[in-house]
Amino acid sequence: MSLRRLAEAFADNSIRVKAAALDREHAIELAGDLLVASGRTTPDYTASMVDVLDSHGPYFVIAPGIALAHAKPSEFVLSTGLSLLTLAEPIVFGNDANDPVELVFGLCAIDHNSHIEMLAELSTLLSDNDAVNILLNAGDTEQIRSLFE
């Protein structure tokens, strides 16, 4: 399985393991902070992701234990990419089918099309139970990055 686009999507400083989040908004803020730290977005994009949660609810909890936080493309996005926050303790997002969340991905895209192949690779990764277990149990970022090689 080739995950070249995923390897490129996760820039330096875009992954954090075993983070402590106070609630769902804080978890999204932490994932957004990683997008900022990796040079993909400005802090305003993080605020936009929280606004999406506030206005549309937890629809971006896409699978059991997995959230894909995002906002629409805007001037706050510097380049398309992903962040990943693994949580030390699961957080309830309010999605009955898929709570609680343990993995929070942050997604930012410069337009409506540039991220499609990247998301296809992410879908492939997340459909592999062994890979998801590695994500859930990783003790450091290198264990996660090894999945993309």
C-alpha atoms as a PDB file:
ATOM      1  CA  MET A   1       0.000   0.000   0.000  1.00  0.00           C
ATOM      2  CA  SER A   2       1.548   3.288  -1.113  1.00  0.00           C
ATOM      3  CA  LEU A   3       0.967   6.177   1.256  1.00  0.00           C
ATOM      4  CA  ARG A   4       3.287   8.729  -0.323  1.00  0.00           C
ATOM      5  CA  ARG A   5       0.685  11.498  -0.230  1.00  0.00           C
ATOM      6  CA  LEU A   6       0.045  10.843   3.454  1.00  0.00           C
ATOM      7  CA  ALA A   7       3.758  11.021   4.205  1.00  0.00           C
ATOM      8  CA  GLU A   8       3.817  14.431   2.482  1.00  0.00           C
ATOM      9  CA  ALA A   9       0.598  15.568   4.176  1.00  0.00           C
ATOM     10  CA  PHE A  10       2.055  15.190   7.669  1.00  0.00           C
ATOM     11  CA  ALA A  11       4.710  17.914   7.794  1.00  0.00           C
ATOM     12  CA  ASP A  12       7.162  18.303  10.663  1.00  0.00           C
ATOM     13  CA  ASN A  13       5.407  19.141  13.951  1.00  0.00           C
ATOM     14  CA  SER A  14       2.045  17.858  12.683  1.00  0.00           C
ATOM     15  CA  ILE A  15       1.724  14.780  14.941  1.00  0.00           C
ATOM     16  CA  ARG A  16       1.336  14.650  18.716  1.00  0.00           C
ATOM     17  CA  VAL A  17       0.809  11.476  20.732  1.00  0.00           C
ATOM     18  CA  LYS A  18      -1.001  10.926  24.021  1.00  0.00           C
ATOM     19  CA  ALA A  19      -2.197  14.517  24.368  1.00  0.00           C
ATOM     20  CA  ALA A  20      -4.536  15.494  27.179  1.00  0.00           C
ATOM     21  CA  ALA A  21      -7.640  17.281  25.902  1.00  0.00           C
ATOM     22  CA  LEU A  22     -10.220  18.770  28.246  1.00  0.00           C
ATOM     23  CA  ASP A  23     -13.173  18.421  25.859  1.00  0.00           C
ATOM     24  CA  ARG A  24     -14.020  18.150  22.167  1.00  0.00           C
ATOM     25  CA  GLU A  25     -13.336  21.836  21.449  1.00  0.00           C
ATOM     26  CA  HIS A  26      -9.928  21.577  23.120  1.00  0.00           C
ATOM     27  CA  ALA A  27      -9.124  18.441  21.093  1.00  0.00           C
ATOM     28  CA  ILE A  28      -9.936  20.306  17.876  1.00  0.00           C
ATOM     29  CA  GLU A  29      -7.872  23.291  19.014  1.00  0.00           C
ATOM     30  CA  LEU A  30      -4.900  21.003  19.686  1.00  0.00           C
ATOM     31  CA  ALA A  31      -5.223  19.401  16.231  1.00  0.00           C
ATOM     32  CA  GLY A  32      -5.445  22.904  14.737  1.00  0.00           C
ATOM     33  CA  ASP A  33      -2.378  24.013  16.699  1.00  0.00           C
ATOM     34  CA  LEU A  34      -0.459  21.209  14.967  1.00  0.00           C
ATOM     35  CA  LEU A  35      -1.562  22.527  11.556  1.00  0.00           C
ATOM     36  CA  VAL A  36      -0.257  25.956  12.582  1.00  0.00           C
ATOM     37  CA  ALA A  37       2.994  24.533  13.994  1.00  0.00           C
ATOM     38  CA  SER A  38       3.598  22.620  10.777  1.00  0.00           C
ATOM     39  CA  GLY A  39       3.169  25.756   8.668  1.00  0.00           C
ATOM     40  CA  ARG A  40      -0.057  24.646   6.972  1.00  0.00           C
ATOM     41  CA  THR A  41      -2.508  27.189   8.441  1.00  0.00           C
ATOM     42  CA  THR A  42      -2.871  30.317  10.505  1.00  0.00           C
ATOM     43  CA  PRO A  43      -4.514  30.278  13.954  1.00  0.00           C
ATOM     44  CA  ASP A  44      -7.707  31.641  12.362  1.00  0.00           C
ATOM     45  CA  TYR A  45      -8.186  28.266  10.644  1.00  0.00           C
ATOM     46  CA  THR A  46      -8.217  26.544  14.042  1.00  0.00           C
ATOM     47  CA  ALA A  47     -10.975  28.911  15.159  1.00  0.00           C
ATOM     48  CA  SER A  48     -12.872  28.069  11.959  1.00  0.00           C
ATOM     49  CA  MET A  49     -12.682  24.336  12.756  1.00  0.00           C
ATOM     50  CA  VAL A  50     -14.180  24.947  16.209  1.00  0.00           C
ATOM     51  CA  ASP A  51     -16.881  27.101  14.595  1.00  0.00           C
ATOM     52  CA  VAL A  52     -17.779  24.191  12.284  1.00  0.00           C
ATOM     53  CA  LEU A  53     -18.245  21.962  15.324  1.00  0.00           C
ATOM     54  CA  ASP A  54     -20.377  24.601  17.046  1.00  0.00           C
ATOM     55  CA  SER A  55     -22.583  25.206  14.004  1.00  0.00           C
ATOM     56  CA  HIS A  56     -22.848  21.708  12.474  1.00  0.00           C
ATOM     57  CA  GLY A  57     -22.238  19.351  15.398  1.00  0.00           C
ATOM     58  CA  PRO A  58     -19.865  16.375  15.479  1.00  0.00           C
ATOM     59  CA  TYR A  59     -20.506  15.149  11.928  1.00  0.00           C
ATOM     60  CA  PHE A  60     -16.770  14.855  11.365  1.00  0.00           C
ATOM     61  CA  VAL A  61     -16.524  11.911  13.750  1.00  0.00           C
ATOM     62  CA  ILE A  62     -16.165   9.643  10.731  1.00  0.00           C
ATOM     63  CA  ALA A  63     -15.673   6.211  12.295  1.00  0.00           C
ATOM     64  CA  PRO A  64     -15.603   4.668  15.762  1.00  0.00           C
ATOM     65  CA  GLY A  65     -13.007   6.615  17.733  1.00  0.00           C
ATOM     66  CA  ILE A  66     -11.891   8.785  14.798  1.00  0.00           C
ATOM     67  CA  ALA A  67     -12.590  12.458  14.067  1.00  0.00           C
ATOM     68  CA  LEU A  68     -11.528  14.393  10.963  1.00  0.00           C
ATOM     69  CA  ALA A  69     -11.783  18.042  11.988  1.00  0.00           C
ATOM     70  CA  HIS A  70     -11.775  20.606   9.193  1.00  0.00           C
ATOM     71  CA  ALA A  71     -13.195  23.853   7.900  1.00  0.00           C
ATOM     72  CA  LYS A  72     -13.765  25.122   4.380  1.00  0.00           C
ATOM     73  CA  PRO A  73     -10.836  26.281   2.249  1.00  0.00           C
ATOM     74  CA  SER A  74      -9.975  29.889   3.026  1.00  0.00           C
ATOM     75  CA  GLU A  75      -7.173  32.429   3.114  1.00  0.00           C
ATOM     76  CA  PHE A  76      -6.236  30.900   6.502  1.00  0.00           C
ATOM     77  CA  VAL A  77      -4.922  27.768   4.729  1.00  0.00           C
ATOM     78  CA  LEU A  78      -1.320  28.119   3.541  1.00  0.00           C
ATOM     79  CA  SER A  79      -1.007  24.610   2.075  1.00  0.00           C
ATOM     80  CA  THR A  80      -2.989  21.374   2.030  1.00  0.00           C
ATOM     81  CA  GLY A  81      -2.128  18.924   4.788  1.00  0.00           C
ATOM     82  CA  LEU A  82      -3.036  16.894   7.835  1.00  0.00           C
ATOM     83  CA  SER A  83      -2.325  16.783  11.532  1.00  0.00           C
ATOM     84  CA  LEU A  84      -2.882  13.951  13.975  1.00  0.00           C
ATOM     85  CA  LEU A  85      -3.553  14.109  17.672  1.00  0.00           C
ATOM     86  CA  THR A  86      -3.765  10.868  19.622  1.00  0.00           C
ATOM     87  CA  LEU A  87      -5.552  11.356  22.908  1.00  0.00           C
ATOM     88  CA  ALA A  88      -4.336  10.069  26.268  1.00  0.00           C
ATOM     89  CA  GLU A  89      -7.990   9.697  27.320  1.00  0.00           C
ATOM     90  CA  PRO A  90     -10.933   9.333  24.891  1.00  0.00           C
ATOM     91  CA  ILE A  91     -13.244  12.339  24.493  1.00  0.00           C
ATOM     92  CA  VAL A  92     -16.992  12.312  23.876  1.00  0.00           C
ATOM     93  CA  PHE A  93     -17.802  14.424  20.818  1.00  0.00           C
ATOM     94  CA  GLY A  94     -21.561  13.863  20.848  1.00  0.00           C
ATOM     95  CA  ASN A  95     -21.691  11.358  17.987  1.00  0.00           C
ATOM     96  CA  ASP A  96     -23.661   8.421  19.396  1.00  0.00           C
ATOM     97  CA  ALA A  97     -22.519   5.970  16.727  1.00  0.00           C
ATOM     98  CA  ASN A  98     -18.782   6.683  16.947  1.00  0.00           C
ATOM     99  CA  ASP A  99     -17.958   8.079  20.409  1.00  0.00           C
ATOM    100  CA  PRO A 100     -15.657   8.294  22.231  1.00  0.00           C
ATOM    101  CA  VAL A 101     -12.885   9.727  20.038  1.00  0.00           C
ATOM    102  CA  GLU A 102      -9.256   8.711  20.464  1.00  0.00           C
ATOM    103  CA  LEU A 103      -7.745   9.938  17.170  1.00  0.00           C
ATOM    104  CA  VAL A 104      -8.284  13.505  15.964  1.00  0.00           C
ATOM    105  CA  PHE A 105      -7.065  14.328  12.481  1.00  0.00           C
ATOM    106  CA  GLY A 106      -6.942  17.951  11.381  1.00  0.00           C
ATOM    107  CA  LEU A 107      -7.465  18.544   7.660  1.00  0.00           C
ATOM    108  CA  CYS A 108      -6.784  21.738   5.753  1.00  0.00           C
ATOM    109  CA  ALA A 109      -7.072  22.234   2.001  1.00  0.00           C
ATOM    110  CA  ILE A 110      -6.332  25.184  -0.246  1.00  0.00           C
ATOM    111  CA  ASP A 111      -9.262  24.304  -2.508  1.00  0.00           C
ATOM    112  CA  HIS A 112     -12.053  21.749  -2.907  1.00  0.00           C
ATOM    113  CA  ASN A 113     -10.000  19.215  -4.915  1.00  0.00           C
ATOM    114  CA  SER A 114      -6.338  19.172  -3.812  1.00  0.00           C
ATOM    115  CA  HIS A 115      -6.946  16.871  -0.854  1.00  0.00           C
ATOM    116  CA  ILE A 116      -8.950  14.090  -2.555  1.00  0.00           C
ATOM    117  CA  GLU A 117      -6.053  11.678  -3.188  1.00  0.00           C
ATOM    118  CA  MET A 118      -4.654  12.361   0.277  1.00  0.00           C
ATOM    119  CA  LEU A 119      -8.029  11.470   1.821  1.00  0.00           C
ATOM    120  CA  ALA A 120      -8.207   8.305  -0.275  1.00  0.00           C
ATOM    121  CA  GLU A 121      -4.884   7.203   1.216  1.00  0.00           C
ATOM    122  CA  LEU A 122      -6.100   8.128   4.704  1.00  0.00           C
ATOM    123  CA  SER A 123      -9.198   6.017   4.120  1.00  0.00           C
ATOM    124  CA  THR A 124      -7.015   3.090   3.060  1.00  0.00           C
ATOM    125  CA  LEU A 125      -4.904   3.480   6.204  1.00  0.00           C
ATOM    126  CA  LEU A 126      -7.926   3.727   8.504  1.00  0.00           C
ATOM    127  CA  SER A 127      -9.523   0.630   6.969  1.00  0.00           C
ATOM    128  CA  ASP A 128      -6.507  -1.417   8.106  1.00  0.00           C
ATOM    129  CA  ASN A 129      -7.174  -2.576  11.690  1.00  0.00           C
ATOM    130  CA  ASP A 130      -3.477  -3.203  12.364  1.00  0.00           C
ATOM    131  CA  ALA A 131      -2.580   0.325  11.265  1.00  0.00           C
ATOM    132  CA  VAL A 132      -5.326   1.827  13.447  1.00  0.00           C
ATOM    133  CA  ASN A 133      -4.017  -0.158  16.421  1.00  0.00           C
ATOM    134  CA  ILE A 134      -0.538   1.241  15.783  1.00  0.00           C
ATOM    135  CA  LEU A 135      -1.999   4.769  15.710  1.00  0.00           C
ATOM    136  CA  LEU A 136      -3.923   4.173  18.936  1.00  0.00           C
ATOM    137  CA  ASN A 137      -0.985   2.666  20.808  1.00  0.00           C
ATOM    138  CA  ALA A 138       1.949   4.662  19.430  1.00  0.00           C
ATOM    139  CA  GLY A 139       4.280   5.957  22.087  1.00  0.00           C
ATOM    140  CA  ASP A 140       5.962   8.464  19.781  1.00  0.00           C
ATOM    141  CA  THR A 141       5.557  10.143  16.418  1.00  0.00           C
ATOM    142  CA  GLU A 142       8.132   7.903  14.716  1.00  0.00           C
ATOM    143  CA  GLN A 143       5.918   4.857  15.241  1.00  0.00           C
ATOM    144  CA  ILE A 144       3.164   6.708  13.392  1.00  0.00           C
ATOM    145  CA  ARG A 145       5.421   7.986  10.602  1.00  0.00           C
ATOM    146  CA  SER A 146       6.672   4.435   9.995  1.00  0.00           C
ATOM    147  CA  LEU A 147       3.181   3.560   8.739  1.00  0.00           C
ATOM    148  CA  PHE A 148       3.619   5.865   5.733  1.00  0.00           C
ATOM    149  CA  GLU A 149       6.870   4.274   4.508  1.00  0.00           C
END
